[in-house]
PDB file of N, CA and C in Angstrom:
ATOM      1  N   MET A   1     -28.604 -12.225 -38.012  1.00  0.00           N
ATOM      2  CA  MET A   1     -26.849 -12.340 -38.302  1.00  0.00           C
ATOM      3  C   MET A   1     -27.054 -12.715 -39.775  1.00  0.00           C
ATOM      4  N   ILE A   2     -28.231 -12.870 -40.274  1.00  0.00           N
ATOM      5  CA  ILE A   2     -28.850 -12.411 -41.779  1.00  0.00           C
ATOM      6  C   ILE A   2     -27.540 -11.346 -42.481  1.00  0.00           C
ATOM      7  N   GLY A   3     -28.384 -10.081 -41.821  1.00  0.00           N
ATOM      8  CA  GLY A   3     -27.345  -9.141 -42.584  1.00  0.00           C
ATOM      9  C   GLY A   3     -25.655  -9.606 -42.173  1.00  0.00           C
ATOM     10  N   VAL A   4     -25.711 -10.034 -40.973  1.00  0.00           N
ATOM     11  CA  VAL A   4     -23.801  -9.728 -41.378  1.00  0.00           C
ATOM     12  C   VAL A   4     -23.101 -10.461 -42.440  1.00  0.00           C
ATOM     13  N   GLY A   5     -24.195 -11.568 -42.685  1.00  0.00           N
ATOM     14  CA  GLY A   5     -23.904 -13.037 -43.310  1.00  0.00           C
ATOM     15  C   GLY A   5     -23.527 -12.162 -44.981  1.00  0.00           C
ATOM     16  N   ALA A   6     -24.483 -11.107 -45.078  1.00  0.00           N
ATOM     17  CA  ALA A   6     -25.035 -10.437 -46.430  1.00  0.00           C
ATOM     18  C   ALA A   6     -24.012  -9.791 -46.750  1.00  0.00           C
ATOM     19  N   GLN A   7     -23.797  -8.280 -45.611  1.00  0.00           N
ATOM     20  CA  GLN A   7     -22.898  -7.582 -45.621  1.00  0.00           C
ATOM     21  C   GLN A   7     -21.261  -8.180 -45.999  1.00  0.00           C
ATOM     22  N   ILE A   8     -21.208  -9.359 -44.987  1.00  0.00           N
ATOM     23  CA  ILE A   8     -19.220 -10.138 -45.596  1.00  0.00           C
ATOM     24  C   ILE A   8     -19.671 -10.841 -47.063  1.00  0.00           C
ATOM     25  N   TRP A   9     -20.939 -10.952 -47.331  1.00  0.00           N
ATOM     26  CA  TRP A   9     -20.685 -11.189 -48.855  1.00  0.00           C
ATOM     27  C   TRP A   9     -20.544 -10.771 -49.910  1.00  0.00           C
ATOM     28  N   ASN A  10     -21.619  -9.702 -49.517  1.00  0.00           N
ATOM     29  CA  ASN A  10     -21.260  -8.226 -50.352  1.00  0.00           C
ATOM     30  C   ASN A  10     -19.683  -7.354 -50.580  1.00  0.00           C
ATOM     31  N   GLY A  11     -18.864  -7.909 -48.998  1.00  0.00           N
ATOM     32  CA  GLY A  11     -18.016  -7.237 -49.760  1.00  0.00           C
ATOM     33  C   GLY A  11     -18.099  -5.732 -48.990  1.00  0.00           C
ATOM     34  N   SER A  12     -18.932  -5.276 -47.584  1.00  0.00           N
ATOM     35  CA  SER A  12     -19.039  -4.274 -47.782  1.00  0.00           C
ATOM     36  C   SER A  12     -18.299  -3.188 -46.471  1.00  0.00           C
ATOM     37  N   THR A  13     -17.640  -1.930 -46.836  1.00  0.00           N
ATOM     38  CA  THR A  13     -16.025  -1.624 -46.357  1.00  0.00           C
ATOM     39  C   THR A  13     -15.947  -1.024 -44.722  1.00  0.00           C
ATOM     40  N   THR A  14     -18.115  -1.139 -44.728  1.00  0.00           N
ATOM     41  CA  THR A  14     -18.324  -0.659 -43.196  1.00  0.00           C
ATOM     42  C   THR A  14     -18.646  -2.160 -42.436  1.00  0.00           C
ATOM     43  N   LEU A  15     -18.533  -3.021 -42.323  1.00  0.00           N
ATOM     44  CA  LEU A  15     -17.778  -3.971 -41.583  1.00  0.00           C
ATOM     45  C   LEU A  15     -16.239  -4.079 -41.008  1.00  0.00           C
ATOM     46  N   LEU A  16     -15.539  -3.486 -42.321  1.00  0.00           N
ATOM     47  CA  LEU A  16     -14.174  -4.298 -42.577  1.00  0.00           C
ATOM     48  C   LEU A  16     -13.335  -3.096 -41.208  1.00  0.00           C
ATOM     49  N   ILE A  17     -14.167  -2.108 -40.976  1.00  0.00           N
ATOM     50  CA  ILE A  17     -13.248  -0.645 -39.677  1.00  0.00           C
ATOM     51  C   ILE A  17     -13.669  -1.660 -38.629  1.00  0.00           C
ATOM     52  N   PRO A  18     -14.771  -1.936 -37.846  1.00  0.00           N
ATOM     53  CA  PRO A  18     -14.987  -2.584 -36.480  1.00  0.00           C
ATOM     54  C   PRO A  18     -14.191  -3.783 -36.469  1.00  0.00           C
ATOM     55  N   VAL A  19     -14.386  -4.378 -37.580  1.00  0.00           N
ATOM     56  CA  VAL A  19     -13.110  -6.050 -37.380  1.00  0.00           C
ATOM     57  C   VAL A  19     -11.491  -5.518 -37.217  1.00  0.00           C
ATOM     58  N   ILE A  20     -11.431  -4.874 -37.758  1.00  0.00           N
ATOM     59  CA  ILE A  20     -10.075  -4.126 -37.990  1.00  0.00           C
ATOM     60  C   ILE A  20      -9.360  -3.891 -36.346  1.00  0.00           C
ATOM     61  N   LEU A  21     -11.119  -2.675 -35.967  1.00  0.00           N
ATOM     62  CA  LEU A  21     -10.671  -2.240 -34.448  1.00  0.00           C
ATOM     63  C   LEU A  21     -10.457  -3.396 -33.357  1.00  0.00           C
ATOM     64  N   VAL A  22     -11.256  -4.847 -33.784  1.00  0.00           N
ATOM     65  CA  VAL A  22     -11.196  -5.433 -32.415  1.00  0.00           C
ATOM     66  C   VAL A  22     -10.019  -6.380 -32.499  1.00  0.00           C
ATOM     67  N   ALA A  23      -9.802  -6.829 -34.186  1.00  0.00           N
ATOM     68  CA  ALA A  23      -8.386  -6.753 -33.974  1.00  0.00           C
ATOM     69  C   ALA A  23      -7.238  -6.645 -33.639  1.00  0.00           C
ATOM     70  N   ILE A  24      -6.788  -5.053 -33.640  1.00  0.00           N
ATOM     71  CA  ILE A  24      -5.946  -4.139 -32.482  1.00  0.00           C
ATOM     72  C   ILE A  24      -6.244  -4.438 -31.049  1.00  0.00           C
ATOM     73  N   VAL A  25      -7.268  -4.227 -30.498  1.00  0.00           N
ATOM     74  CA  VAL A  25      -7.468  -4.714 -29.668  1.00  0.00           C
ATOM     75  C   VAL A  25      -7.149  -5.607 -28.915  1.00  0.00           C
ATOM     76  N   PHE A  26      -7.662  -6.620 -29.708  1.00  0.00           N
ATOM     77  CA  PHE A  26      -6.878  -8.035 -29.174  1.00  0.00           C
ATOM     78  C   PHE A  26      -5.538  -7.796 -29.613  1.00  0.00           C
ATOM     79  N   LEU A  27      -4.626  -7.360 -30.262  1.00  0.00           N
ATOM     80  CA  LEU A  27      -3.637  -7.894 -30.068  1.00  0.00           C
ATOM     81  C   LEU A  27      -2.349  -7.023 -29.512  1.00  0.00           C
ATOM     82  N   LEU A  28      -2.870  -5.904 -29.026  1.00  0.00           N
ATOM     83  CA  LEU A  28      -2.730  -5.304 -27.766  1.00  0.00           C
ATOM     84  C   LEU A  28      -2.579  -5.621 -26.901  1.00  0.00           C
ATOM     85  N   TYR A  29      -3.951  -6.579 -26.543  1.00  0.00           N
ATOM     86  CA  TYR A  29      -3.519  -7.687 -24.563  1.00  0.00           C
ATOM     87  C   TYR A  29      -3.222  -8.269 -24.971  1.00  0.00           C
ATOM     88  N   LYS A  30      -2.736  -9.589 -26.062  1.00  0.00           N
ATOM     89  CA  LYS A  30      -2.038 -10.574 -25.791  1.00  0.00           C
ATOM     90  C   LYS A  30      -0.947  -9.941 -25.975  1.00  0.00           C
ATOM     91  N   PHE A  31      -0.757  -9.259 -26.532  1.00  0.00           N
ATOM     92  CA  PHE A  31       0.890  -8.591 -27.225  1.00  0.00           C
ATOM     93  C   PHE A  31       1.121  -7.312 -26.572  1.00  0.00           C
ATOM     94  N   PRO A  32       1.367  -7.337 -24.910  1.00  0.00           N
ATOM     95  CA  PRO A  32       1.450  -5.346 -25.151  1.00  0.00           C
ATOM     96  C   PRO A  32       2.847  -5.154 -25.219  1.00  0.00           C
ATOM     97  N   PRO A  33       2.951  -3.551 -25.613  1.00  0.00           N
ATOM     98  CA  PRO A  33       3.925  -2.633 -25.907  1.00  0.00           C
ATOM     99  C   PRO A  33       4.889  -2.783 -24.744  1.00  0.00           C
ATOM    100  N   SER A  34       5.834  -2.525 -24.698  1.00  0.00           N
ATOM    101  CA  SER A  34       7.239  -2.427 -23.756  1.00  0.00           C
ATOM    102  C   SER A  34       6.958  -1.836 -22.695  1.00  0.00           C
ATOM    103  N   ARG A  35       6.929  -0.325 -22.814  1.00  0.00           N
ATOM    104  CA  ARG A  35       6.398   0.264 -21.770  1.00  0.00           C
ATOM    105  C   ARG A  35       5.309  -0.559 -20.614  1.00  0.00           C
ATOM    106  N   PHE A  36       4.621  -1.046 -20.782  1.00  0.00           N
ATOM    107  CA  PHE A  36       3.609  -1.629 -20.185  1.00  0.00           C
ATOM    108  C   PHE A  36       3.253  -3.078 -19.653  1.00  0.00           C
ATOM    109  N   ARG A  37       4.343  -3.613 -20.081  1.00  0.00           N
ATOM    110  CA  ARG A  37       4.882  -5.422 -19.404  1.00  0.00           C
ATOM    111  C   ARG A  37       5.898  -5.028 -18.036  1.00  0.00           C
ATOM    112  N   ARG A  38       6.149  -4.180 -17.080  1.00  0.00           N
ATOM    113  CA  ARG A  38       6.484  -3.762 -16.257  1.00  0.00           C
ATOM    114  C   ARG A  38       5.835  -5.156 -15.361  1.00  0.00           C
ATOM    115  N   GLY A  39       5.236  -5.068 -14.790  1.00  0.00           N
ATOM    116  CA  GLY A  39       3.868  -6.414 -13.792  1.00  0.00           C
ATOM    117  C   GLY A  39       4.174  -7.506 -14.320  1.00  0.00           C
ATOM    118  N   PHE A  40       5.232  -7.705 -15.697  1.00  0.00           N
ATOM    119  CA  PHE A  40       5.418  -9.338 -16.503  1.00  0.00           C
ATOM    120  C   PHE A  40       6.876  -9.987 -16.358  1.00  0.00           C
ATOM    121  N   ARG A  41       7.730  -8.396 -15.885  1.00  0.00           N
ATOM    122  CA  ARG A  41       9.111  -9.397 -15.596  1.00  0.00           C
ATOM    123  C   ARG A  41       9.376  -9.914 -14.162  1.00  0.00           C
ATOM    124  N   ALA A  42      10.262 -11.036 -14.900  1.00  0.00           N
ATOM    125  CA  ALA A  42      10.357 -12.155 -13.911  1.00  0.00           C
ATOM    126  C   ALA A  42      11.378 -11.663 -12.882  1.00  0.00           C
ATOM    127  N   ARG A  43      10.941 -11.934 -11.376  1.00  0.00           N
ATOM    128  CA  ARG A  43      11.950 -11.024 -10.237  1.00  0.00           C
ATOM    129  C   ARG A  43      12.914 -11.558  -9.893  1.00  0.00           C
ATOM    130  N   SER A  44      13.457 -10.524  -9.414  1.00  0.00           N
ATOM    131  CA  SER A  44      14.977 -10.470  -9.150  1.00  0.00           C
ATOM    132  C   SER A  44      15.323 -10.600  -8.241  1.00  0.00           C
ATOM    133  N   GLU A  45      16.739 -10.974  -7.809  1.00  0.00           N
ATOM    134  CA  GLU A  45      17.047 -11.567  -5.721  1.00  0.00           C
ATOM    135  C   GLU A  45      16.532  -9.460  -5.456  1.00  0.00           C
ATOM    136  N   SER A  46      16.818  -8.888  -5.352  1.00  0.00           N
ATOM    137  CA  SER A  46      16.224  -7.718  -4.918  1.00  0.00           C
ATOM    138  C   SER A  46      14.688  -7.465  -4.406  1.00  0.00           C
ATOM    139  N   ALA A  47      14.160  -7.942  -5.512  1.00  0.00           N
ATOM    140  CA  ALA A  47      12.630  -7.568  -5.108  1.00  0.00           C
ATOM    141  C   ALA A  47      12.510  -9.226  -4.450  1.00  0.00           C
ATOM    142  N   ARG A  48      12.952 -10.499  -4.078  1.00  0.00           N
ATOM    143  CA  ARG A  48      12.232 -11.266  -3.370  1.00  0.00           C
ATOM    144  C   ARG A  48      12.376 -10.535  -1.871  1.00  0.00           C
ATOM    145  N   TYR A  49      13.952 -10.116  -2.122  1.00  0.00           N
ATOM    146  CA  TYR A  49      14.580  -9.725  -0.385  1.00  0.00           C
ATOM    147  C   TYR A  49      13.583  -8.757   0.066  1.00  0.00           C
ATOM    148  N   ARG A  50      13.016  -7.443  -1.017  1.00  0.00           N
ATOM    149  CA  ARG A  50      12.019  -6.377  -0.489  1.00  0.00           C
ATOM    150  C   ARG A  50      10.997  -6.860   0.167  1.00  0.00           C
ATOM    151  N   GLN A  51      10.055  -7.953  -0.566  1.00  0.00           N
ATOM    152  CA  GLN A  51       9.225  -8.724  -0.727  1.00  0.00           C
ATOM    153  C   GLN A  51       9.617  -9.558   1.122  1.00  0.00           C
ATOM    154  N   THR A  52       9.808  -9.535   0.890  1.00  0.00           N
ATOM    155  CA  THR A  52      10.258 -10.840   2.527  1.00  0.00           C
ATOM    156  C   THR A  52      10.570  -9.534   3.412  1.00  0.00           C
ATOM    157  N   ALA A  53      11.317  -8.243   3.391  1.00  0.00           N
ATOM    158  CA  ALA A  53      11.602  -7.344   4.816  1.00  0.00           C
ATOM    159  C   ALA A  53      10.064  -6.459   4.951  1.00  0.00           C
ATOM    160  N   LYS A  54       9.356  -6.354   3.691  1.00  0.00           N
ATOM    161  CA  LYS A  54       7.889  -6.147   4.090  1.00  0.00           C
ATOM    162  C   LYS A  54       6.977  -6.869   4.688  1.00  0.00           C
ATOM    163  N   SER A  55       6.969  -8.033   4.313  1.00  0.00           N
ATOM    164  CA  SER A  55       6.233  -9.024   5.480  1.00  0.00           C
ATOM    165  C   SER A  55       6.743 -10.105   6.856  1.00  0.00           C
ATOM    166  N   GLN A  56       8.441  -9.514   6.589  1.00  0.00           N
ATOM    167  CA  GLN A  56       8.975  -9.034   8.101  1.00  0.00           C
ATOM    168  C   GLN A  56       8.323  -8.047   9.134  1.00  0.00           C
ATOM    169  N   ALA A  57       8.732  -6.888   8.505  1.00  0.00           N
ATOM    170  CA  ALA A  57       8.313  -5.370   8.643  1.00  0.00           C
ATOM    171  C   ALA A  57       6.167  -5.548   9.503  1.00  0.00           C
ATOM    172  N   ARG A  58       5.550  -6.576   8.216  1.00  0.00           N
ATOM    173  CA  ARG A  58       4.372  -6.743   8.617  1.00  0.00           C
ATOM    174  C   ARG A  58       3.909  -7.546   9.848  1.00  0.00           C
ATOM    175  N   HIS A  59       4.451  -8.168  10.342  1.00  0.00           N
ATOM    176  CA  HIS A  59       4.736  -9.383  10.876  1.00  0.00           C
ATOM    177  C   HIS A  59       4.502  -8.587  12.309  1.00  0.00           C
ATOM    178  N   ARG A  60       5.855  -7.770  12.551  1.00  0.00           N
ATOM    179  CA  ARG A  60       6.852  -7.187  13.447  1.00  0.00           C
ATOM    180  C   ARG A  60       5.597  -5.990  13.783  1.00  0.00           C
ATOM    181  N   ARG A  61       5.254  -5.598  13.180  1.00  0.00           N
ATOM    182  CA  ARG A  61       3.603  -4.354  13.540  1.00  0.00           C
ATOM    183  C   ARG A  61       2.530  -5.386  14.274  1.00  0.00           C
ATOM    184  N   GLU A  62       2.364  -6.648  13.773  1.00  0.00           N
ATOM    185  CA  GLU A  62       1.000  -6.900  13.911  1.00  0.00           C
ATOM    186  C   GLU A  62       0.902  -7.588  15.450  1.00  0.00           C
ATOM    187  N   ALA A  63       2.562  -8.039  15.512  1.00  0.00           N
ATOM    188  CA  ALA A  63       3.230  -8.198  17.226  1.00  0.00           C
ATOM    189  C   ALA A  63       3.242  -7.150  18.430  1.00  0.00           C
ATOM    190  N   ASP A  64       3.536  -6.233  17.422  1.00  0.00           N
ATOM    191  CA  ASP A  64       3.320  -4.848  18.745  1.00  0.00           C
ATOM    192  C   ASP A  64       1.934  -4.388  19.070  1.00  0.00           C
ATOM    193  N   LYS A  65       1.287  -4.100  17.837  1.00  0.00           N
ATOM    194  CA  LYS A  65       0.278  -4.009  18.183  1.00  0.00           C
ATOM    195  C   LYS A  65      -0.700  -5.027  19.116  1.00  0.00           C
ATOM    196  N   ALA A  66      -0.210  -6.345  19.364  1.00  0.00           N
ATOM    197  CA  ALA A  66      -1.256  -7.124  19.872  1.00  0.00           C
ATOM    198  C   ALA A  66      -0.411  -6.973  21.762  1.00  0.00           C
ATOM    199  N   LYS A  67       0.775  -6.367  21.893  1.00  0.00           N
ATOM    200  CA  LYS A  67       1.662  -5.948  23.221  1.00  0.00           C
ATOM    201  C   LYS A  67       0.986  -5.213  23.327  1.00  0.00           C
ATOM    202  N   ARG A  68       0.015  -3.839  23.225  1.00  0.00           N
ATOM    203  CA  ARG A  68      -0.430  -2.654  23.259  1.00  0.00           C
ATOM    204  C   ARG A  68      -1.892  -2.814  24.342  1.00  0.00           C
ATOM    205  N   ARG A  69      -1.763  -1.843  25.005  1.00  0.00           N
ATOM    206  CA  ARG A  69      -2.420  -1.824  26.667  1.00  0.00           C
ATOM    207  C   ARG A  69      -3.621  -0.868  25.162  1.00  0.00           C
ATOM    208  N   THR A  70      -5.041  -1.846  25.621  1.00  0.00           N
ATOM    209  CA  THR A  70      -5.738  -0.815  25.110  1.00  0.00           C
ATOM    210  C   THR A  70      -6.251   0.209  27.040  1.00  0.00           C
ATOM    211  N   ALA A  71      -6.722   1.216  26.085  1.00  0.00           N
ATOM    212  CA  ALA A  71      -7.254   2.579  26.864  1.00  0.00           C
ATOM    213  C   ALA A  71      -8.611   2.350  27.215  1.00  0.00           C
ATOM    214  N   THR A  72      -8.933   2.611  28.777  1.00  0.00           N
ATOM    215  CA  THR A  72      -9.836   2.941  29.584  1.00  0.00           C
ATOM    216  C   THR A  72     -11.521   4.211  28.909  1.00  0.00           C
ATOM    217  N   PHE A  73     -11.908   4.225  28.925  1.00  0.00           N
ATOM    218  CA  PHE A  73     -13.220   4.573  27.807  1.00  0.00           C
ATOM    219  C   PHE A  73     -13.640   5.513  29.682  1.00  0.00           C
ATOM    220  N   ARG A  74     -13.334   6.704  29.533  1.00  0.00           N
ATOM    221  CA  ARG A  74     -13.539   8.088  30.271  1.00  0.00           C
ATOM    222  C   ARG A  74     -14.671   8.349  29.390  1.00  0.00           C
ATOM    223  N   VAL A  75     -15.817   8.868  30.539  1.00  0.00           N
ATOM    224  CA  VAL A  75     -16.803   9.778  29.863  1.00  0.00           C
ATOM    225  C   VAL A  75     -16.460  11.054  30.376  1.00  0.00           C
ATOM    226  N   ILE A  76     -16.407  13.003  29.371  1.00  0.00           N
ATOM    227  CA  ILE A  76     -16.555  13.924  30.206  1.00  0.00           C
ATOM    228  C   ILE A  76     -17.834  14.375  30.695  1.00  0.00           C
ATOM    229  N   GLU A  77     -17.927  14.551  31.113  1.00  0.00           N
ATOM    230  CA  GLU A  77     -19.441  15.907  31.839  1.00  0.00           C
ATOM    231  C   GLU A  77     -19.494  17.186  31.257  1.00  0.00           C
ATOM    232  N   GLY A  78     -20.096  17.710  29.995  1.00  0.00           N
ATOM    233  CA  GLY A  78     -20.536  18.480  29.637  1.00  0.00           C
ATOM    234  C   GLY A  78     -21.222  19.290  29.917  1.00  0.00           C
ATOM    235  N   THR A  79     -21.890  20.311  29.500  1.00  0.00           N
ATOM    236  CA  THR A  79     -22.691  21.553  30.013  1.00  0.00           C
ATOM    237  C   THR A  79     -23.997  21.798  29.665  1.00  0.00           C
ATOM    238  N   LYS A  80     -24.578  20.412  28.995  1.00  0.00           N
ATOM    239  CA  LYS A  80     -25.738  20.418  28.654  1.00  0.00           C
ATOM    240  C   LYS A  80     -26.586  19.976  29.711  1.00  0.00           C
ATOM    241  N   PRO A  81     -28.000  20.439  29.994  1.00  0.00           N
ATOM    242  CA  PRO A  81     -28.513  19.989  30.641  1.00  0.00           C
ATOM    243  C   PRO A  81     -29.187  18.448  30.764  1.00  0.00           C
ATOM    244  N   ARG A  82     -29.287  17.974  31.835  1.00  0.00           N
ATOM    245  CA  ARG A  82     -29.508  16.766  31.734  1.00  0.00           C
ATOM    246  C   ARG A  82     -31.105  16.198  31.783  1.00  0.00           C
ATOM    247  N   ASP A  83     -31.596  15.935  30.849  1.00  0.00           N
ATOM    248  CA  ASP A  83     -33.180  15.545  30.628  1.00  0.00           C
ATOM    249  C   ASP A  83     -33.372  14.569  30.267  1.00  0.00           C
ATOM    250  N   ASP A  84     -33.852  13.239  31.427  1.00  0.00           N
ATOM    251  CA  ASP A  84     -33.762  11.413  30.985  1.00  0.00           C
ATOM    252  C   ASP A  84     -35.042  11.674  29.948  1.00  0.00           C
ATOM    253  N   GLU A  85     -35.724  12.888  29.948  1.00  0.00           N
ATOM    254  CA  GLU A  85     -37.302  12.571  29.492  1.00  0.00           C
ATOM    255  C   GLU A  85     -36.725  12.689  27.619  1.00  0.00           C
ATOM    256  N   PRO A  86     -37.374  11.944  26.757  1.00  0.00           N
ATOM    257  CA  PRO A  86     -37.265  12.295  25.421  1.00  0.00           C
ATOM    258  C   PRO A  86     -38.068  13.502  24.999  1.00  0.00           C
ATOM    259  N   PRO A  87     -36.952  14.268  24.225  1.00  0.00           N
ATOM    260  CA  PRO A  87     -37.631  15.457  23.443  1.00  0.00           C
ATOM    261  C   PRO A  87     -39.107  15.386  22.846  1.00  0.00           C
ATOM    262  N   THR A  88     -40.377  16.452  22.576  1.00  0.00           N
ATOM    263  CA  THR A  88     -41.272  16.250  22.455  1.00  0.00           C
ATOM    264  C   THR A  88     -41.714  16.203  21.513  1.00  0.00           C
ATOM    265  N   TYR A  89     -40.815  16.419  20.458  1.00  0.00           N
ATOM    266  CA  TYR A  89     -41.237  16.249  19.407  1.00  0.00           C
ATOM    267  C   TYR A  89     -41.178  14.752  18.630  1.00  0.00           C
ATOM    268  N   HIS A  90     -41.112  13.602  19.446  1.00  0.00           N
ATOM    269  CA  HIS A  90     -41.162  12.745  18.857  1.00  0.00           C
ATOM    270  C   HIS A  90     -42.215  11.732  18.748  1.00  0.00           C
TER     271      HIS A  90
END
Protein backbone atom coordinates (compact mmCIF):
# COMPACT_ATOMS: atom_id res chain seq x y z
CA MET A 1 0.00 0.00 0.00
CA ILE A 2 2.85 2.36 0.82
CA GLY A 3 4.58 1.53 -2.48
CA VAL A 4 1.44 2.35 -4.48
CA GLY A 5 1.12 5.66 -2.66
CA ALA A 6 4.79 6.47 -3.30
CA GLN A 7 4.40 5.76 -7.02
CA ILE A 8 1.34 7.99 -7.22
CA TRP A 9 3.16 10.72 -5.30
CA ASN A 10 6.20 10.56 -7.60
CA GLY A 11 4.00 10.57 -10.71
CA SER A 12 5.36 7.40 -12.25
CA THR A 13 3.98 6.37 -15.64
CA THR A 14 4.28 2.66 -14.82
CA LEU A 15 1.15 2.91 -12.72
CA LEU A 16 -0.66 4.98 -15.34
CA ILE A 17 -0.91 2.16 -17.92
CA PRO A 18 -2.72 -0.35 -15.63
CA VAL A 19 -5.09 2.37 -14.43
CA ILE A 20 -5.96 3.26 -18.02
CA LEU A 21 -6.53 -0.41 -18.91
CA VAL A 22 -8.80 -0.93 -15.91
CA ALA A 23 -10.75 2.21 -16.82
CA ILE A 24 -11.21 1.03 -20.42
CA VAL A 25 -12.43 -2.40 -19.32
CA PHE A 26 -14.83 -0.79 -16.84
CA LEU A 27 -16.24 1.58 -19.47
CA LEU A 28 -16.70 -1.25 -21.97
CA TYR A 29 -18.49 -3.24 -19.29
CA LYS A 30 -20.83 -0.40 -18.37
CA PHE A 31 -21.38 0.89 -21.93
CA PRO A 32 -20.89 -1.99 -24.39
CA PRO A 33 -20.59 -1.27 -28.12
CA SER A 34 -23.82 -1.48 -30.13
CA ARG A 35 -22.96 -4.81 -31.78
CA PHE A 36 -22.89 -6.51 -28.36
CA ARG A 37 -26.17 -5.03 -27.11
CA ARG A 38 -28.50 -7.51 -28.83
CA GLY A 39 -29.67 -9.00 -25.55
CA PHE A 40 -30.63 -5.63 -24.06
CA ARG A 41 -33.31 -4.64 -26.60
CA ALA A 42 -36.89 -4.28 -25.52
CA ARG A 43 -39.09 -7.18 -26.57
CA SER A 44 -41.31 -6.75 -29.56
CA GLU A 45 -44.73 -8.29 -30.03
CA SER A 46 -43.37 -10.97 -32.36
CA ALA A 47 -40.76 -11.96 -29.77
CA ARG A 48 -43.46 -12.34 -27.14
CA TYR A 49 -45.54 -14.42 -29.56
CA ARG A 50 -42.57 -16.69 -30.29
CA GLN A 51 -41.95 -17.17 -26.57
CA THR A 52 -45.56 -18.13 -25.87
CA ALA A 53 -45.54 -20.48 -28.86
CA LYS A 54 -42.40 -22.15 -27.47
CA SER A 55 -43.91 -22.58 -24.04
CA GLN A 56 -47.12 -24.00 -25.52
CA ALA A 57 -45.11 -26.48 -27.60
CA ARG A 58 -43.16 -27.51 -24.50
CA HIS A 59 -46.39 -28.11 -22.56
CA ARG A 60 -47.73 -30.14 -25.50
CA ARG A 61 -44.58 -32.31 -25.54
CA GLU A 62 -44.83 -32.88 -21.78
CA ALA A 63 -48.45 -33.98 -22.19
CA ASP A 64 -47.46 -36.37 -25.00
CA LYS A 65 -44.75 -37.89 -22.80
CA ALA A 66 -47.28 -38.52 -20.04
CA LYS A 67 -49.56 -40.41 -22.48
CA ARG A 68 -46.85 -42.82 -23.63
CA ARG A 69 -46.90 -46.37 -22.40
CA THR A 70 -43.63 -47.67 -21.03
CA ALA A 71 -42.12 -50.63 -22.87
CA THR A 72 -41.82 -53.95 -21.07
CA PHE A 73 -38.32 -55.10 -20.21
CA ARG A 74 -37.23 -58.16 -22.16
CA VAL A 75 -34.10 -60.23 -21.59
CA ILE A 76 -32.53 -61.73 -24.68
CA GLU A 77 -30.76 -64.98 -23.93
CA GLY A 78 -27.13 -64.94 -24.96
CA THR A 79 -24.72 -67.71 -25.99
CA LYS A 80 -22.33 -67.39 -23.02
CA PRO A 81 -22.27 -70.23 -20.50
CA ARG A 82 -24.36 -69.57 -17.42
CA ASP A 83 -21.95 -69.83 -14.51
CA ASP A 84 -23.53 -68.83 -11.22
CA GLU A 85 -20.16 -69.01 -9.49
CA PRO A 86 -17.99 -65.90 -9.24
CA PRO A 87 -14.71 -65.93 -11.19
CA THR A 88 -11.64 -67.40 -9.50
CA TYR A 89 -9.68 -64.15 -9.51
CA HIS A 90 -12.07 -62.39 -7.12
